[in-house]
Amino acid sequence: MKNILIALLSWISLLGATFRSAQAIEISFFNLNSDQKQDLLQFKRVVLPVRIEDNLAKGEVFQYIPSIDPVQLAALFFDYNNQYLFLRGMTSTIVQEWNGISENHEWEGVRALVSQHINPLGFLLPNAPLQNFQNCFFDATAFRYNLVEDLVYNSDDESYLIQWSEPMQDRKKHSNSNETGKIRFEPFNNGTLISYSNATKPPLFGLKPKGPDLNIITDGIEDYICNTAEAYYRDTIKFFMIQFYKEKNKDNGISIQEKIDHMLGALNNDKAF
């Protein structure tokens, strides 16, 4: 119980933390072993174990979606105002401003500042129904933070990449915590390969243990955070796909087409998007 309480305090001190910038994380289908690739082709979600590297809890999730184009899935994720519908613990996500074209990537893209309202209990209750986090109790114990989210399109392979980062001034408010993550939608076998990665650094990881008790606690917290993060990363893609099919079946797909038009308008620098 002591470890869980300290882990909770650690998560609270860094959240909004599920999604962030992914400049240092490389994810690829080709990094998977033969069994994992076979699982993907059998439409299974492949969740890699979260591990601690460089004081970051790193993890990846892959899923192959047959007969769905990357642009459809990317458009749903790009609908930042409705991301809370598939993020466990999130009670709202609101675009504060569009910052125009971002040139900090290999390809030009679109940048937005997004305010997110999140409850850390969403991490600690992985089996709770998603909708439970939109009620008044969870909303009262949640808090806000900002993310910079970037969308880039690669015309060479027709893939869409979305990556996110907490502004530096906000990171300092969270005791210099660090979050990195991204999601890529790319054509694959007449469908789409989703490649998602995230890495989390709770402030506690940077502490220097002063005695054996703290060493034991730190080890326990790292294990706890890895297990909790792995469940959260898995559920992010699970709930994302549930929401996608809800939108796809709504009004004969008009909802998804509207999101595609919005995303492509942004990429084309259409001021009316």
Protein backbone atom coordinates (compact mmCIF):
# COMPACT_ATOMS: atom_id res chain seq x y z
CA MET A 1 0.00 0.00 0.00
CA LYS A 2 2.88 2.37 0.78
CA ASN A 3 4.32 1.83 -2.70
CA ILE A 4 0.95 2.46 -4.33
CA LEU A 5 0.46 5.74 -2.45
CA ILE A 6 3.89 6.98 -3.41
CA ALA A 7 3.33 5.90 -6.99
CA LEU A 8 0.05 7.83 -7.03
CA LEU A 9 1.80 10.97 -5.78
CA SER A 10 4.44 10.50 -8.44
CA TRP A 11 1.84 10.21 -11.20
CA ILE A 12 -0.08 13.23 -9.91
CA SER A 13 3.05 15.36 -9.95
CA LEU A 14 3.69 14.72 -13.63
CA LEU A 15 0.26 14.36 -15.25
CA GLY A 16 -0.85 15.45 -17.95
CA ALA A 17 1.41 12.82 -19.14
CA THR A 18 0.10 10.21 -21.40
CA PHE A 19 0.97 11.86 -24.66
CA ARG A 20 4.02 13.94 -25.40
CA SER A 21 6.71 14.64 -27.98
CA ALA A 22 8.29 11.59 -29.58
CA GLN A 23 11.47 12.90 -31.16
CA ALA A 24 13.70 10.32 -29.46
CA ILE A 25 11.52 7.24 -29.92
CA GLU A 26 11.75 5.14 -33.07
CA ILE A 27 9.06 2.53 -33.59
CA SER A 28 8.82 0.14 -36.50
CA PHE A 29 7.06 -3.02 -37.58
CA PHE A 30 10.46 -4.36 -38.57
CA ASN A 31 11.62 -4.29 -34.93
CA LEU A 32 9.04 -6.92 -34.01
CA ASN A 33 9.89 -10.62 -33.85
CA SER A 34 8.27 -13.20 -36.12
CA ASP A 35 5.63 -14.23 -33.55
CA GLN A 36 4.60 -10.63 -32.97
CA LYS A 37 4.36 -9.99 -36.72
CA GLN A 38 2.21 -13.09 -37.09
CA ASP A 39 -0.06 -11.87 -34.28
CA LEU A 40 -0.49 -8.57 -36.11
CA LEU A 41 -1.49 -10.32 -39.33
CA GLN A 42 -4.07 -12.23 -37.29
CA PHE A 43 -5.53 -8.85 -36.20
CA LYS A 44 -4.20 -9.11 -32.64
CA ARG A 45 -3.05 -6.03 -30.75
CA VAL A 46 0.68 -6.33 -29.95
CA VAL A 47 1.64 -4.65 -26.67
CA LEU A 48 5.35 -4.59 -25.88
CA PRO A 49 6.36 -4.73 -22.19
CA VAL A 50 7.02 -1.34 -20.65
CA ARG A 51 10.60 -1.05 -19.42
CA ILE A 52 12.74 1.57 -17.70
CA GLU A 53 15.37 3.12 -19.97
CA ASP A 54 17.13 6.40 -19.24
CA ASN A 55 14.71 7.02 -16.37
CA LEU A 56 11.76 6.67 -18.75
CA ALA A 57 8.98 4.09 -18.66
CA LYS A 58 8.90 3.20 -22.36
CA GLY A 59 6.33 1.11 -24.19
CA GLU A 60 4.89 0.46 -27.66
CA VAL A 61 1.61 -0.81 -29.07
CA PHE A 62 1.02 -2.02 -32.65
CA GLN A 63 -2.20 -2.95 -34.39
CA TYR A 64 -3.07 -3.83 -37.98
CA ILE A 65 -6.47 -2.60 -39.13
CA PRO A 66 -7.57 -4.23 -42.41
CA SER A 67 -9.57 -2.39 -45.08
CA ILE A 68 -9.24 1.00 -43.39
CA ASP A 69 -7.12 3.78 -44.91
CA PRO A 70 -4.58 5.68 -42.74
CA VAL A 71 -6.27 9.02 -43.45
CA GLN A 72 -9.47 7.85 -41.72
CA LEU A 73 -7.72 6.83 -38.52
CA ALA A 74 -5.39 9.83 -38.46
CA ALA A 75 -8.37 12.17 -38.88
CA LEU A 76 -10.04 10.78 -35.77
CA PHE A 77 -6.88 11.20 -33.69
CA PHE A 78 -6.41 14.71 -35.10
CA ASP A 79 -9.85 15.67 -33.77
CA TYR A 80 -8.20 16.94 -30.60
CA ASN A 81 -11.39 18.38 -29.11
CA ASN A 82 -12.77 14.84 -28.87
CA GLN A 83 -9.68 12.89 -27.85
CA TYR A 84 -11.08 12.58 -24.34
CA LEU A 85 -13.64 10.11 -25.72
CA PHE A 86 -10.96 7.41 -25.99
CA LEU A 87 -8.41 8.43 -23.34
CA ARG A 88 -9.00 6.78 -19.98
CA GLY A 89 -8.99 9.34 -17.17
CA MET A 90 -9.47 12.29 -19.57
CA THR A 91 -12.54 14.47 -18.94
CA SER A 92 -11.97 17.04 -21.69
CA THR A 93 -9.53 18.01 -24.45
CA ILE A 94 -9.81 21.50 -25.95
CA VAL A 95 -7.77 23.20 -28.69
CA GLN A 96 -6.59 26.54 -27.28
CA GLU A 97 -4.98 27.78 -30.48
CA TRP A 98 -3.66 26.70 -33.84
CA ASN A 99 -0.06 27.75 -34.28
CA GLY A 100 0.09 27.30 -38.03
CA ILE A 101 2.75 25.40 -39.90
CA SER A 102 5.43 23.62 -37.87
CA GLU A 103 8.82 23.31 -39.53
CA ASN A 104 10.58 21.39 -36.76
CA HIS A 105 10.21 18.05 -38.55
CA GLU A 106 11.45 16.30 -41.65
CA TRP A 107 8.13 17.19 -43.29
CA GLU A 108 6.00 20.27 -42.75
CA GLY A 109 3.02 19.81 -40.50
CA VAL A 110 0.35 21.46 -38.37
CA ARG A 111 0.80 22.46 -34.73
CA ALA A 112 -1.87 23.01 -32.08
CA LEU A 113 -1.87 23.88 -28.40
CA VAL A 114 -4.30 21.56 -26.63
CA SER A 115 -5.56 21.86 -23.05
CA GLN A 116 -6.31 18.50 -21.45
CA HIS A 117 -8.23 17.78 -18.24
CA ILE A 118 -7.14 14.49 -16.71
CA ASN A 119 -7.65 12.46 -13.56
CA PRO A 120 -4.79 10.26 -12.32
CA LEU A 121 -7.30 7.69 -11.12
CA GLY A 122 -7.72 6.84 -14.79
CA PHE A 123 -4.28 5.25 -14.61
CA LEU A 124 -4.88 3.44 -11.35
CA LEU A 125 -8.26 1.88 -12.22
CA PRO A 126 -7.54 0.11 -15.54
CA ASN A 127 -10.65 -2.07 -15.39
CA ALA A 128 -13.12 0.74 -14.78
CA PRO A 129 -15.48 1.61 -17.68
CA LEU A 130 -14.19 4.55 -19.71
CA GLN A 131 -17.33 6.61 -19.21
CA ASN A 132 -16.90 6.55 -15.41
CA PHE A 133 -14.22 9.22 -15.74
CA GLN A 134 -16.66 11.75 -17.16
CA ASN A 135 -18.81 11.97 -14.04
CA CYS A 136 -18.77 14.73 -11.42
CA PHE A 137 -16.60 12.91 -8.85
CA PHE A 138 -13.75 12.24 -11.23
CA ASP A 139 -14.06 15.69 -12.78
CA ALA A 140 -13.67 17.28 -9.35
CA THR A 141 -10.37 15.48 -8.72
CA ALA A 142 -8.88 16.12 -12.18
CA PHE A 143 -6.57 18.93 -13.28
CA ARG A 144 -5.51 20.68 -16.49
CA TYR A 145 -2.26 20.82 -18.45
CA ASN A 146 -1.22 21.85 -21.95
CA LEU A 147 0.24 19.86 -24.82
CA VAL A 148 1.72 20.92 -28.11
CA GLU A 149 0.47 18.41 -30.71
CA ASP A 150 1.99 18.14 -34.19
CA LEU A 151 0.59 16.43 -37.28
CA VAL A 152 2.98 15.66 -40.16
CA TYR A 153 2.27 13.92 -43.46
CA ASN A 154 4.87 11.95 -45.44
CA SER A 155 3.92 11.92 -49.11
CA ASP A 156 6.56 9.26 -49.87
CA ASP A 157 4.77 6.49 -47.98
CA GLU A 158 1.41 8.28 -47.45
CA SER A 159 1.71 7.98 -43.67
CA TYR A 160 0.44 10.35 -40.98
CA LEU A 161 2.37 11.00 -37.77
CA ILE A 162 1.03 12.78 -34.70
CA GLN A 163 3.41 13.61 -31.87
CA TRP A 164 2.89 15.67 -28.74
CA SER A 165 4.95 17.49 -26.10
CA GLU A 166 4.41 19.49 -22.97
CA PRO A 167 5.64 23.10 -23.27
CA MET A 168 8.91 23.57 -21.37
CA GLN A 169 7.41 26.07 -18.93
CA ASP A 170 4.74 23.53 -18.03
CA ARG A 171 7.28 20.73 -17.57
CA LYS A 172 9.00 22.80 -14.90
CA LYS A 173 5.72 23.01 -13.02
CA HIS A 174 5.70 19.19 -12.94
CA SER A 175 9.11 18.86 -11.24
CA ASN A 176 10.94 18.45 -14.57
CA SER A 177 9.00 15.34 -15.49
CA ASN A 178 9.43 14.14 -19.05
CA GLU A 179 6.99 12.57 -21.50
CA THR A 180 7.59 11.44 -25.08
CA GLY A 181 5.19 9.71 -27.44
CA LYS A 182 3.83 9.48 -30.95
CA ILE A 183 1.41 7.58 -33.12
CA ARG A 184 1.87 6.73 -36.79
CA PHE A 185 -0.75 5.55 -39.28
CA GLU A 186 0.80 3.99 -42.39
CA PRO A 187 -0.46 1.85 -45.30
CA PHE A 188 0.04 -1.83 -44.64
CA ASN A 189 -1.29 -4.95 -46.37
CA ASN A 190 -4.41 -3.27 -47.83
CA GLY A 191 -5.12 -1.56 -44.54
CA THR A 192 -3.35 0.48 -41.87
CA LEU A 193 -0.60 -0.27 -39.38
CA ILE A 194 -0.93 1.73 -36.16
CA SER A 195 2.38 2.22 -34.35
CA TYR A 196 2.09 3.92 -30.97
CA SER A 197 4.83 4.66 -28.46
CA ASN A 198 5.07 6.54 -25.19
CA ALA A 199 7.65 7.15 -22.50
CA THR A 200 7.03 8.57 -19.04
CA LYS A 201 9.40 9.98 -16.46
CA PRO A 202 7.81 10.53 -13.05
CA PRO A 203 9.94 12.90 -10.93
CA LEU A 204 10.64 10.12 -8.42
CA PHE A 205 12.83 8.32 -10.97
CA GLY A 206 15.41 11.10 -10.67
CA LEU A 207 15.80 10.89 -6.90
CA LYS A 208 18.96 9.50 -5.36
CA PRO A 209 18.06 6.76 -2.83
CA LYS A 210 19.50 7.56 0.61
CA GLY A 211 19.07 4.16 2.19
CA PRO A 212 17.89 0.58 1.65
CA ASP A 213 14.25 1.38 2.40
CA LEU A 214 14.06 3.99 -0.35
CA ASN A 215 15.84 1.61 -2.71
CA ILE A 216 13.16 -1.00 -2.12
CA ILE A 217 10.39 1.56 -2.50
CA THR A 218 11.90 2.91 -5.71
CA ASP A 219 12.12 -0.56 -7.25
CA GLY A 220 8.53 -1.26 -6.30
CA ILE A 221 7.35 2.03 -7.74
CA GLU A 222 9.13 1.40 -11.02
CA ASP A 223 7.46 -2.00 -11.35
CA TYR A 224 4.10 -0.53 -10.44
CA ILE A 225 4.41 2.34 -12.90
CA CYS A 226 5.53 0.00 -15.70
CA ASN A 227 2.53 -2.27 -15.19
CA THR A 228 0.15 0.68 -14.92
CA ALA A 229 1.61 2.41 -17.99
CA GLU A 230 1.46 -0.78 -20.05
CA ALA A 231 -2.25 -1.16 -19.31
CA TYR A 232 -2.86 2.49 -20.15
CA TYR A 233 -0.97 2.34 -23.46
CA ARG A 234 -2.87 -0.81 -24.45
CA ASP A 235 -6.22 0.73 -23.57
CA THR A 236 -5.44 3.91 -25.49
CA ILE A 237 -5.40 1.97 -28.77
CA LYS A 238 -8.25 -0.30 -27.69
CA PHE A 239 -10.59 2.61 -26.89
CA PHE A 240 -9.38 4.56 -29.93
CA MET A 241 -10.54 1.75 -32.23
CA ILE A 242 -13.86 1.41 -30.38
CA GLN A 243 -14.45 5.13 -30.90
CA PHE A 244 -13.42 4.89 -34.56
CA TYR A 245 -16.05 2.28 -35.38
CA LYS A 246 -18.67 4.30 -33.48
CA GLU A 247 -17.85 7.30 -35.67
CA LYS A 248 -17.66 5.22 -38.83
CA ASN A 249 -21.13 3.80 -38.24
CA LYS A 250 -22.61 7.21 -37.45
CA ASP A 251 -24.63 8.81 -40.26
CA ASN A 252 -23.18 6.43 -42.87
CA GLY A 253 -19.65 7.62 -42.23
CA ILE A 254 -20.35 11.35 -42.57
CA SER A 255 -18.70 12.03 -39.21
CA ILE A 256 -15.40 10.47 -40.30
CA GLN A 257 -15.50 12.30 -43.65
CA GLU A 258 -15.96 15.61 -41.86
CA LYS A 259 -12.91 14.86 -39.73
CA ILE A 260 -10.89 13.96 -42.85
CA ASP A 261 -11.89 17.25 -44.50
CA HIS A 262 -10.85 19.12 -41.35
CA MET A 263 -7.44 17.44 -41.19
CA LEU A 264 -6.67 17.84 -44.89
CA GLY A 265 -7.72 21.47 -44.72
CA ALA A 266 -5.23 21.99 -41.91
CA LEU A 267 -2.44 20.28 -43.83
CA ASN A 268 -3.23 22.43 -46.88
CA ASN A 269 -2.98 25.54 -44.67
CA ASP A 270 -6.60 26.36 -45.37
CA LYS A 271 -7.46 29.16 -42.93
CA ALA A 272 -11.09 28.03 -42.96
CA PHE A 273 -10.37 24.58 -41.53
